[in-house]
Amino acid sequence: MTEALRRALDRVGVRTDTGRDAVLAGVVAVATVALFLGIERVLATDVGATFGAGPGEAVLTPGVRAAVLALVVAQAGALVLRRRAPLACLALTVVAQVAITSLLPRYVGFQAPATLVAAYSAGAYAPRRLRLAGPAVAALAQVVLVFALGGFAVPSGAGPAQHALQVGGSLVSALLTFVGAALVGTYVATRRELVAELRDRVLRAEREREALAAQAVLEERARMARELHDVAAHHLSGIVVQASAAERLVDADPERAKESVRWIRAQGRRTLDDLRLVVGILRGRDDDPASEREAPQPTLAEVPALLDTARAAGTTVTVRTEGTPWDPTPSAQIAVYRVLQEALANARRHAPGRPVDVRFAWSDADVVLTVRNPAAGTVPDPGSAPGHGLVGMRERAAVLGGTLDARRAPDGAWVVRLSVPRATARDPRPQEAS
C-alpha cells in the first residue's frame, strides 16, 4: 500500500491494518462481481454449444448466479485475514474457488482475483519457510479438488490422454499464477524487512554515536580534571608550605621571609599562567591567545627542575636511577612526570619536612617510578575513598596499560609505585649492526 493511499485512508478514519484489509476486501468483492457479470454477458452462446449447450441458452440460471455471487463476496471477505492469518486466508479463498468452479458450467473458466490476492498475502506475511510452499500446495489442492468434482472442460469423446493433458495444463497454470503472486509478495516482504533492518541499524548507530559522544565527553572531562589538578596542586601545596614558613620567619628572619614571599609570588604567577592555558582550551575561544598554545606538556627532561622546586619548598629529595634509561613516548613521559609531581605534593601536604626518596628503575620491560617518604599520621588510609590525585594517577597508568600502587608500607612509610610498560614507548637508540 502506497504512502499516499495510506494517508487517504487515515483521513477517512481507516487507520488500522484490519480496517485497511476490510476496505481491500470490499474493493475486491465489487470488482470481482463486476468482472463475473461482464464475463457472463460476453460469453457467446456458440461457445456453450461447443460443449453441448443450445444456441441462445443462458449460461447460468438465476439461482446459480446468486449462489456464485454470494461465494464471490464471501471469498473476498476472507481477505480480512490476510495479515493476521495469511495461510488460513489462502485456504478459504481456494475452498470458495472450488465451490464456485463446481457451480459453473465446465466451459466457463473463472479464477476469482481474491485467490491471487491471498497468494500474494501469503508471500508477504506468512512465515519465511511457507511463503512459497503454501501457495504451491494451495494451487495443487485446487486443481485436484476441481478434477475430483469433474469441473474441467473436456470435449465429449476425449480420451485419457486429453484428460491428463487438461489436468497437467491446469496444474501448471495454477502453479504459475499462485507462486508468481507469492513471489511478488515475498519480494515486497523482503524489501520491507530490509528497510526495517536498515532503519534499525541507523537507530542503533545513532544511539551508539550518542553513547560514544557522551563517553568522549566524560573522558575529556576526566582528562581536563587531571590537568587542572596536576597543574594547581603541586604549586599550591608548595605555596602553602612556604607561606607557613614565611609566617614563622617574618619576625625572626625578615630576609628569609622575604625570600619565601618572592618564591610564593613566582610560583603563584606560574600557576596562574598554567591555569590560563588549561582554561583557554576548555573555553575553546579563537580570540583567546591561550587557545593558540598547547597546554603544558612536561617531559622527563623537566624532572630535575621539578625536584629543585620541591627542594626549594623545603623538602629533602634524594634520587636514584637503576638500569639504562630509554626514551618513553610523550604520553608515558607526561604520566611519569605527573605522578612524581603529585607524589611530591602529597608528601609536602601530609608529611611536611620529611625526606622523600625517588627511584627510577629502568628495564627492558618497563620503567618503574617509586616515591617513598616517612609519612606522618595525616596520610589518607588506603581503605578510604581516594582523592582526586590518586584517581588521576591511576587513570594515567591505566591509559598506558601500566599499574599504580599507593599504600602504606609495613614500616609506616607511604609508597607510590608507578609501572609503565615499554610496549607503550619507543626506543630511539640505533640498532647495532649484526
Protein backbone atom coordinates (compact mmCIF):
# COMPACT_ATOMS: atom_id res chain seq x y z
CA MET A 1 0.00 0.00 0.00
CA THR A 2 1.46 3.29 -1.09
CA GLU A 3 2.01 6.07 1.39
CA ALA A 4 -0.45 8.33 -0.44
CA LEU A 5 -3.20 5.73 -0.22
CA ARG A 6 -2.38 5.12 3.43
CA ARG A 7 -2.71 8.81 4.18
CA ALA A 8 -6.00 8.94 2.26
CA LEU A 9 -7.41 6.09 4.34
CA ASP A 10 -6.17 7.78 7.50
CA ARG A 11 -8.08 10.91 6.57
CA VAL A 12 -11.34 8.97 6.32
CA GLY A 13 -10.75 7.22 9.65
CA VAL A 14 -9.30 3.88 8.46
CA ARG A 15 -6.09 3.70 10.48
CA THR A 16 -5.66 0.02 11.42
CA ASP A 17 -4.37 -2.84 9.28
CA THR A 18 -7.60 -4.76 9.77
CA GLY A 19 -9.62 -1.76 8.63
CA ARG A 20 -7.46 -1.35 5.54
CA ASP A 21 -7.81 -5.06 4.74
CA ALA A 22 -11.60 -4.74 5.08
CA VAL A 23 -11.55 -1.87 2.56
CA LEU A 24 -9.43 -4.03 0.23
CA ALA A 25 -11.87 -6.94 0.62
CA GLY A 26 -14.76 -4.68 -0.30
CA VAL A 27 -12.96 -3.35 -3.37
CA VAL A 28 -12.04 -6.89 -4.50
CA ALA A 29 -15.63 -8.07 -3.95
CA VAL A 30 -17.11 -5.27 -6.06
CA ALA A 31 -14.51 -5.70 -8.79
CA THR A 32 -14.99 -9.49 -8.90
CA VAL A 33 -18.78 -9.24 -9.11
CA ALA A 34 -18.48 -6.73 -11.96
CA LEU A 35 -15.90 -8.95 -13.71
CA PHE A 36 -18.01 -12.06 -13.38
CA LEU A 37 -21.18 -10.38 -14.69
CA GLY A 38 -19.22 -8.95 -17.59
CA ILE A 39 -17.79 -12.35 -18.49
CA GLU A 40 -21.22 -13.93 -18.30
CA ARG A 41 -22.66 -11.28 -20.62
CA VAL A 42 -19.82 -11.53 -23.14
CA LEU A 43 -19.87 -15.32 -23.39
CA ALA A 44 -21.32 -16.24 -26.74
CA THR A 45 -23.88 -18.99 -26.93
CA ASP A 46 -21.86 -20.70 -29.64
CA VAL A 47 -19.10 -21.27 -27.01
CA GLY A 48 -21.70 -23.06 -24.91
CA ALA A 49 -22.85 -25.00 -27.98
CA THR A 50 -19.35 -26.33 -28.41
CA PHE A 51 -19.74 -28.03 -25.07
CA GLY A 52 -23.36 -29.15 -25.51
CA ALA A 53 -25.41 -26.02 -24.80
CA GLY A 54 -28.06 -24.95 -27.26
CA PRO A 55 -27.92 -21.66 -29.18
CA GLY A 56 -29.29 -18.72 -27.16
CA GLU A 57 -29.27 -20.78 -23.98
CA ALA A 58 -28.42 -18.75 -20.84
CA VAL A 59 -25.06 -19.50 -19.25
CA LEU A 60 -26.41 -19.60 -15.65
CA THR A 61 -29.77 -19.86 -14.05
CA PRO A 62 -30.76 -17.07 -11.63
CA GLY A 63 -30.30 -19.38 -8.63
CA VAL A 64 -26.82 -20.49 -9.65
CA ARG A 65 -25.86 -16.92 -10.45
CA ALA A 66 -26.95 -15.78 -6.99
CA ALA A 67 -25.01 -18.61 -5.32
CA VAL A 68 -21.88 -17.81 -7.31
CA LEU A 69 -22.10 -14.12 -6.47
CA ALA A 70 -22.56 -14.94 -2.76
CA LEU A 71 -19.48 -17.17 -2.87
CA VAL A 72 -17.52 -14.42 -4.64
CA VAL A 73 -18.39 -11.91 -1.92
CA ALA A 74 -17.58 -14.40 0.87
CA GLN A 75 -14.31 -15.28 -0.83
CA ALA A 76 -13.32 -11.62 -0.96
CA GLY A 77 -14.36 -11.21 2.67
CA ALA A 78 -11.73 -13.78 3.68
CA LEU A 79 -9.09 -11.20 2.73
CA VAL A 80 -9.70 -9.50 6.06
CA LEU A 81 -7.46 -12.24 7.49
CA ARG A 82 -4.64 -11.78 5.00
CA ARG A 83 -2.22 -10.16 7.51
CA ARG A 84 -3.19 -11.95 10.70
CA ALA A 85 -3.61 -15.44 9.18
CA PRO A 86 -2.36 -15.39 5.58
CA LEU A 87 -2.34 -19.16 5.10
CA ALA A 88 -5.85 -19.54 6.50
CA CYS A 89 -6.97 -16.72 4.20
CA LEU A 90 -5.46 -18.55 1.22
CA ALA A 91 -7.13 -21.81 2.20
CA LEU A 92 -10.56 -20.14 2.50
CA THR A 93 -10.24 -18.47 -0.90
CA VAL A 94 -9.23 -21.77 -2.52
CA VAL A 95 -12.18 -23.60 -0.97
CA ALA A 96 -14.50 -20.83 -2.20
CA GLN A 97 -12.92 -21.03 -5.66
CA VAL A 98 -13.50 -24.79 -5.85
CA ALA A 99 -17.14 -24.25 -4.85
CA ILE A 100 -17.53 -21.54 -7.50
CA THR A 101 -15.99 -23.78 -10.16
CA SER A 102 -18.30 -26.65 -9.24
CA LEU A 103 -21.35 -24.42 -9.79
CA LEU A 104 -20.26 -23.05 -13.16
CA PRO A 105 -20.60 -24.93 -16.43
CA ARG A 106 -17.44 -26.77 -17.34
CA TYR A 107 -16.74 -24.49 -20.28
CA VAL A 108 -16.78 -21.36 -18.05
CA GLY A 109 -13.32 -20.97 -16.56
CA PHE A 110 -13.34 -18.23 -13.94
CA GLN A 111 -10.50 -17.61 -11.43
CA ALA A 112 -11.54 -15.05 -8.85
CA PRO A 113 -8.97 -12.29 -8.13
CA ALA A 114 -9.29 -12.95 -4.39
CA THR A 115 -7.17 -16.12 -4.73
CA LEU A 116 -4.34 -14.12 -6.31
CA VAL A 117 -4.51 -11.50 -3.56
CA ALA A 118 -4.45 -14.28 -0.97
CA ALA A 119 -1.41 -15.90 -2.65
CA TYR A 120 0.35 -12.52 -2.68
CA SER A 121 -0.51 -12.06 1.02
CA ALA A 122 0.90 -15.49 1.84
CA GLY A 123 4.18 -14.49 0.21
CA ALA A 124 4.20 -11.16 2.04
CA TYR A 125 3.07 -12.13 5.54
CA ALA A 126 3.42 -15.90 6.04
CA PRO A 127 6.43 -17.39 7.85
CA ARG A 128 9.52 -17.34 5.66
CA ARG A 129 9.67 -21.11 5.04
CA LEU A 130 6.00 -21.21 3.94
CA ARG A 131 5.87 -18.14 1.72
CA LEU A 132 6.20 -20.17 -1.49
CA ALA A 133 5.31 -23.64 -0.24
CA GLY A 134 1.87 -22.52 0.96
CA PRO A 135 0.71 -21.09 -2.39
CA ALA A 136 2.17 -24.10 -4.27
CA VAL A 137 0.20 -26.53 -2.08
CA ALA A 138 -2.92 -24.36 -2.49
CA ALA A 139 -2.60 -24.49 -6.30
CA LEU A 140 -2.18 -28.27 -6.22
CA ALA A 141 -5.16 -28.67 -3.89
CA GLN A 142 -7.37 -26.51 -6.08
CA VAL A 143 -6.56 -28.49 -9.23
CA VAL A 144 -7.05 -31.84 -7.50
CA LEU A 145 -10.39 -30.82 -5.98
CA VAL A 146 -11.69 -29.39 -9.26
CA PHE A 147 -10.65 -32.57 -11.07
CA ALA A 148 -12.36 -34.71 -8.43
CA LEU A 149 -15.57 -32.74 -8.90
CA GLY A 150 -15.38 -33.06 -12.70
CA GLY A 151 -15.02 -29.37 -13.30
CA PHE A 152 -12.59 -29.47 -16.24
CA ALA A 153 -13.96 -28.65 -19.66
CA VAL A 154 -13.08 -31.52 -21.96
CA PRO A 155 -14.97 -32.04 -25.28
CA SER A 156 -17.16 -35.11 -25.46
CA GLY A 157 -15.37 -38.20 -26.69
CA ALA A 158 -11.99 -37.09 -25.35
CA GLY A 159 -9.67 -39.87 -24.26
CA PRO A 160 -7.49 -40.29 -21.13
CA ALA A 161 -4.58 -38.51 -22.78
CA GLN A 162 -6.66 -35.39 -23.30
CA HIS A 163 -7.87 -35.56 -19.70
CA ALA A 164 -4.28 -35.85 -18.46
CA LEU A 165 -3.17 -33.00 -20.69
CA GLN A 166 -6.01 -30.83 -19.43
CA VAL A 167 -5.22 -31.58 -15.79
CA GLY A 168 -1.48 -31.01 -16.31
CA GLY A 169 -2.05 -27.72 -18.08
CA SER A 170 -4.40 -26.57 -15.36
CA LEU A 171 -1.86 -27.53 -12.68
CA VAL A 172 0.98 -25.67 -14.40
CA SER A 173 -1.24 -22.63 -14.92
CA ALA A 174 -2.35 -22.65 -11.27
CA LEU A 175 1.22 -23.05 -10.01
CA LEU A 176 2.49 -20.21 -12.16
CA THR A 177 -0.37 -17.98 -11.07
CA PHE A 178 -0.22 -18.72 -7.33
CA VAL A 179 3.56 -18.96 -6.98
CA GLY A 180 4.04 -15.88 -9.19
CA ALA A 181 1.78 -13.84 -6.95
CA ALA A 182 3.56 -15.24 -3.88
CA LEU A 183 6.93 -14.27 -5.35
CA VAL A 184 5.76 -10.70 -5.72
CA GLY A 185 4.60 -10.76 -2.10
CA THR A 186 7.91 -12.29 -1.00
CA TYR A 187 9.81 -9.54 -2.77
CA VAL A 188 7.71 -6.90 -1.04
CA ALA A 189 8.19 -8.60 2.33
CA THR A 190 11.94 -8.89 1.84
CA ARG A 191 12.19 -5.25 0.88
CA ARG A 192 10.07 -4.28 3.88
CA GLU A 193 12.28 -6.33 6.21
CA LEU A 194 15.41 -4.83 4.66
CA VAL A 195 14.11 -1.30 5.11
CA ALA A 196 13.16 -2.09 8.72
CA GLU A 197 16.60 -3.59 9.35
CA LEU A 198 18.33 -0.59 7.82
CA ARG A 199 16.19 1.75 9.89
CA ASP A 200 17.02 -0.26 13.00
CA ARG A 201 20.71 -0.12 12.14
CA VAL A 202 20.51 3.62 11.72
CA LEU A 203 18.82 3.96 15.10
CA ARG A 204 21.40 1.69 16.73
CA ALA A 205 24.23 3.60 15.09
CA GLU A 206 22.71 6.87 16.32
CA ARG A 207 22.42 5.51 19.85
CA GLU A 208 25.99 4.21 19.71
CA ARG A 209 27.19 7.55 18.38
CA GLU A 210 25.44 9.36 21.21
CA ALA A 211 26.90 6.91 23.73
CA LEU A 212 30.38 7.34 22.29
CA ALA A 213 29.98 11.11 22.31
CA ALA A 214 28.86 11.01 25.94
CA GLN A 215 31.78 8.72 26.81
CA ALA A 216 34.18 11.03 24.99
CA VAL A 217 32.83 13.99 26.95
CA LEU A 218 33.31 12.12 30.22
CA GLU A 219 36.82 11.08 29.27
CA GLU A 220 37.70 14.63 28.23
CA ARG A 221 36.29 15.99 31.46
CA ALA A 222 38.36 13.46 33.41
CA ARG A 223 41.47 14.38 31.41
CA MET A 224 40.97 18.10 31.99
CA ALA A 225 40.26 17.46 35.67
CA ARG A 226 43.60 15.63 35.89
CA GLU A 227 45.37 18.51 34.15
CA LEU A 228 43.78 21.13 36.40
CA HIS A 229 44.62 19.13 39.49
CA ASP A 230 48.18 18.40 38.41
CA VAL A 231 48.85 21.99 37.37
CA ALA A 232 47.42 23.54 40.53
CA ALA A 233 48.02 21.03 43.32
CA HIS A 234 51.81 20.87 43.03
CA HIS A 235 52.37 24.63 43.02
CA LEU A 236 49.68 25.41 45.58
CA SER A 237 50.97 22.84 48.06
CA GLY A 238 54.42 24.44 47.85
CA ILE A 239 52.88 27.89 48.24
CA VAL A 240 51.08 26.77 51.39
CA VAL A 241 54.30 25.35 52.87
CA GLN A 242 56.29 28.48 52.03
CA ALA A 243 53.53 30.72 53.37
CA SER A 244 53.67 28.89 56.68
CA ALA A 245 57.45 29.24 56.78
CA ALA A 246 57.25 32.94 55.92
CA GLU A 247 54.74 33.45 58.68
CA ARG A 248 57.16 31.93 61.19
CA LEU A 249 60.18 33.84 59.86
CA VAL A 250 58.61 37.27 59.37
CA ASP A 251 59.83 38.44 62.81
CA ALA A 252 62.82 36.19 63.44
CA ASP A 253 64.45 36.38 59.99
CA PRO A 254 62.86 39.01 57.73
CA GLU A 255 65.25 38.35 54.83
CA ARG A 256 64.40 34.67 54.64
CA ALA A 257 60.73 35.57 54.99
CA LYS A 258 61.11 37.89 52.00
CA GLU A 259 62.74 35.10 50.01
CA SER A 260 59.80 32.88 50.80
CA VAL A 261 57.38 35.58 49.73
CA ARG A 262 59.27 36.06 46.46
CA TRP A 263 59.15 32.31 45.85
CA ILE A 264 55.44 32.32 46.58
CA ARG A 265 54.93 35.16 44.10
CA ALA A 266 56.89 33.33 41.37
CA GLN A 267 55.04 30.09 41.96
CA GLY A 268 51.69 31.85 42.02
CA ARG A 269 52.45 33.57 38.71
CA ARG A 270 53.48 30.27 37.14
CA THR A 271 50.36 28.55 38.46
CA LEU A 272 48.19 31.35 37.08
CA ASP A 273 49.81 31.06 33.64
CA ASP A 274 49.30 27.30 33.55
CA LEU A 275 45.69 27.63 34.64
CA ARG A 276 45.06 30.20 31.91
CA LEU A 277 46.34 27.73 29.33
CA VAL A 278 44.04 24.96 30.55
CA VAL A 279 41.02 27.26 30.88
CA GLY A 280 41.65 28.61 27.38
CA ILE A 281 41.47 25.10 25.97
CA LEU A 282 38.29 24.39 27.92
CA ARG A 283 36.63 27.51 26.55
CA GLY A 284 37.91 26.91 23.02
CA ARG A 285 37.91 30.62 22.26
CA ASP A 286 39.54 31.56 18.98
CA ASP A 287 40.25 35.07 20.23
CA ASP A 288 41.98 33.80 23.37
CA PRO A 289 45.77 33.81 22.88
CA ALA A 290 46.00 30.92 25.30
CA SER A 291 43.88 28.78 23.00
CA GLU A 292 46.53 29.14 20.31
CA ARG A 293 49.11 27.49 22.51
CA GLU A 294 49.22 23.98 23.80
CA ALA A 295 48.58 23.13 27.39
CA PRO A 296 51.75 22.47 29.41
CA GLN A 297 53.05 19.03 28.45
CA PRO A 298 56.05 18.24 30.62
CA THR A 299 58.69 15.65 29.77
CA LEU A 300 61.25 13.72 31.78
CA ALA A 301 63.78 16.40 30.91
CA GLU A 302 61.90 18.68 33.32
CA VAL A 303 62.15 16.27 36.26
CA PRO A 304 65.29 17.95 37.67
CA ALA A 305 63.50 21.30 37.71
CA LEU A 306 60.54 19.68 39.45
CA LEU A 307 62.85 18.22 42.10
CA ASP A 308 64.56 21.60 42.55
CA THR A 309 61.17 23.21 43.09
CA ALA A 310 60.36 20.63 45.76
CA ARG A 311 63.71 21.22 47.45
CA ALA A 312 63.15 24.96 47.32
CA ALA A 313 59.87 24.39 49.14
CA GLY A 314 61.78 22.73 51.97
CA THR A 315 61.56 19.05 51.05
CA THR A 316 64.68 16.91 51.15
CA VAL A 317 64.63 14.81 47.99
CA THR A 318 67.06 12.06 47.06
CA VAL A 319 67.04 10.47 43.60
CA ARG A 320 68.35 7.09 42.49
CA THR A 321 68.39 5.68 38.98
CA GLU A 322 68.80 1.99 38.22
CA GLY A 323 69.26 0.48 34.80
CA THR A 324 69.79 2.17 31.45
CA PRO A 325 67.18 4.84 30.66
CA TRP A 326 65.42 4.75 27.31
CA ASP A 327 63.15 7.27 25.66
CA PRO A 328 59.44 6.74 26.55
CA THR A 329 56.64 8.07 24.41
CA PRO A 330 55.40 11.61 25.17
CA SER A 331 52.28 10.26 26.88
CA ALA A 332 54.39 7.98 29.08
CA GLN A 333 56.71 10.87 29.98
CA ILE A 334 53.74 13.03 30.93
CA ALA A 335 52.34 10.24 33.13
CA VAL A 336 55.66 9.68 34.93
CA TYR A 337 56.15 13.42 35.44
CA ARG A 338 52.61 14.00 36.71
CA VAL A 339 52.71 11.04 39.11
CA LEU A 340 56.02 12.25 40.52
CA GLN A 341 54.60 15.76 40.79
CA GLU A 342 51.51 14.52 42.63
CA ALA A 343 53.54 12.29 44.94
CA LEU A 344 55.81 15.21 45.92
CA ALA A 345 52.80 17.44 46.50
CA ASN A 346 51.19 14.80 48.73
CA ALA A 347 54.46 14.43 50.66
CA ARG A 348 54.56 18.18 51.34
CA ARG A 349 50.89 18.22 52.27
CA HIS A 350 50.74 15.18 54.54
CA ALA A 351 54.33 14.87 55.75
CA PRO A 352 55.92 18.35 55.68
CA GLY A 353 59.59 18.38 56.45
CA ARG A 354 60.02 14.63 55.95
CA PRO A 355 62.58 13.39 53.38
CA VAL A 356 61.40 11.88 50.10
CA ASP A 357 63.19 9.11 48.25
CA VAL A 358 62.64 8.93 44.46
CA ARG A 359 63.80 5.89 42.49
CA PHE A 360 63.71 5.27 38.75
CA ALA A 361 64.16 1.62 37.74
CA TRP A 362 64.67 1.10 34.00
CA SER A 363 64.46 -2.36 32.47
CA ASP A 364 63.84 -3.85 29.05
CA ALA A 365 60.22 -4.46 30.02
CA ASP A 366 59.19 -1.25 31.78
CA VAL A 367 60.12 1.79 33.79
CA VAL A 368 59.14 1.87 37.46
CA LEU A 369 58.90 5.07 39.46
CA THR A 370 58.84 4.67 43.24
CA VAL A 371 58.32 7.61 45.59
CA ARG A 372 58.75 6.84 49.28
CA ASN A 373 58.57 9.10 52.31
CA PRO A 374 58.19 8.50 56.06
CA ALA A 375 54.61 9.65 56.30
CA ALA A 376 53.00 11.47 59.16
CA GLY A 377 49.66 10.38 60.52
CA THR A 378 47.72 12.64 58.17
CA VAL A 379 48.28 10.39 55.13
CA PRO A 380 44.91 9.03 53.92
CA ASP A 381 44.14 5.49 54.87
CA PRO A 382 44.29 3.22 51.78
CA GLY A 383 40.89 1.80 52.62
CA SER A 384 39.21 5.19 52.43
CA ALA A 385 37.87 6.81 49.31
CA PRO A 386 40.78 8.01 47.13
CA GLY A 387 41.24 11.68 46.46
CA HIS A 388 41.36 13.33 43.06
CA GLY A 389 45.14 12.99 42.92
CA LEU A 390 45.18 9.21 43.39
CA VAL A 391 42.28 8.82 40.96
CA GLY A 392 44.10 10.86 38.33
CA MET A 393 47.34 8.90 38.81
CA ARG A 394 45.55 5.58 38.42
CA GLU A 395 43.76 6.82 35.30
CA ARG A 396 47.06 7.86 33.73
CA ALA A 397 48.57 4.46 34.46
CA ALA A 398 45.54 2.60 33.10
CA VAL A 399 45.61 4.57 29.83
CA LEU A 400 49.19 3.40 29.24
CA GLY A 401 48.49 -0.19 30.24
CA GLY A 402 50.51 0.23 33.40
CA THR A 403 49.77 -0.01 37.11
CA LEU A 404 49.86 2.35 40.05
CA ASP A 405 50.01 1.32 43.68
CA ALA A 406 49.77 3.79 46.56
CA ARG A 407 49.82 2.39 50.05
CA ARG A 408 51.47 2.46 53.46
CA ALA A 409 54.50 0.17 53.80
CA PRO A 410 54.93 -2.14 56.81
CA ASP A 411 57.46 0.31 58.33
CA GLY A 412 54.88 3.11 58.17
CA ALA A 413 56.27 4.89 55.12
CA TRP A 414 53.96 6.00 52.32
CA VAL A 415 54.90 4.48 48.96
CA VAL A 416 53.68 5.38 45.48
CA ARG A 417 54.78 2.95 42.74
CA LEU A 418 54.08 3.54 39.02
CA SER A 419 54.93 0.94 36.37
CA VAL A 420 54.77 1.86 32.68
CA PRO A 421 55.38 -0.98 30.19
CA ARG A 422 57.82 -0.44 27.38
CA ALA A 423 55.16 -1.58 24.90
CA THR A 424 53.77 1.96 25.08
CA ALA A 425 57.16 3.52 24.49
CA ARG A 426 59.62 3.87 21.69
CA ASP A 427 63.38 3.33 21.82
CA PRO A 428 65.18 5.83 19.61
CA ARG A 429 68.61 4.26 20.12
CA PRO A 430 70.13 2.98 16.86
CA GLN A 431 70.32 -0.76 16.49
CA GLU A 432 73.78 -2.27 16.31
CA ALA A 433 74.63 -3.99 13.09
CA SER A 434 74.75 -7.74 13.43
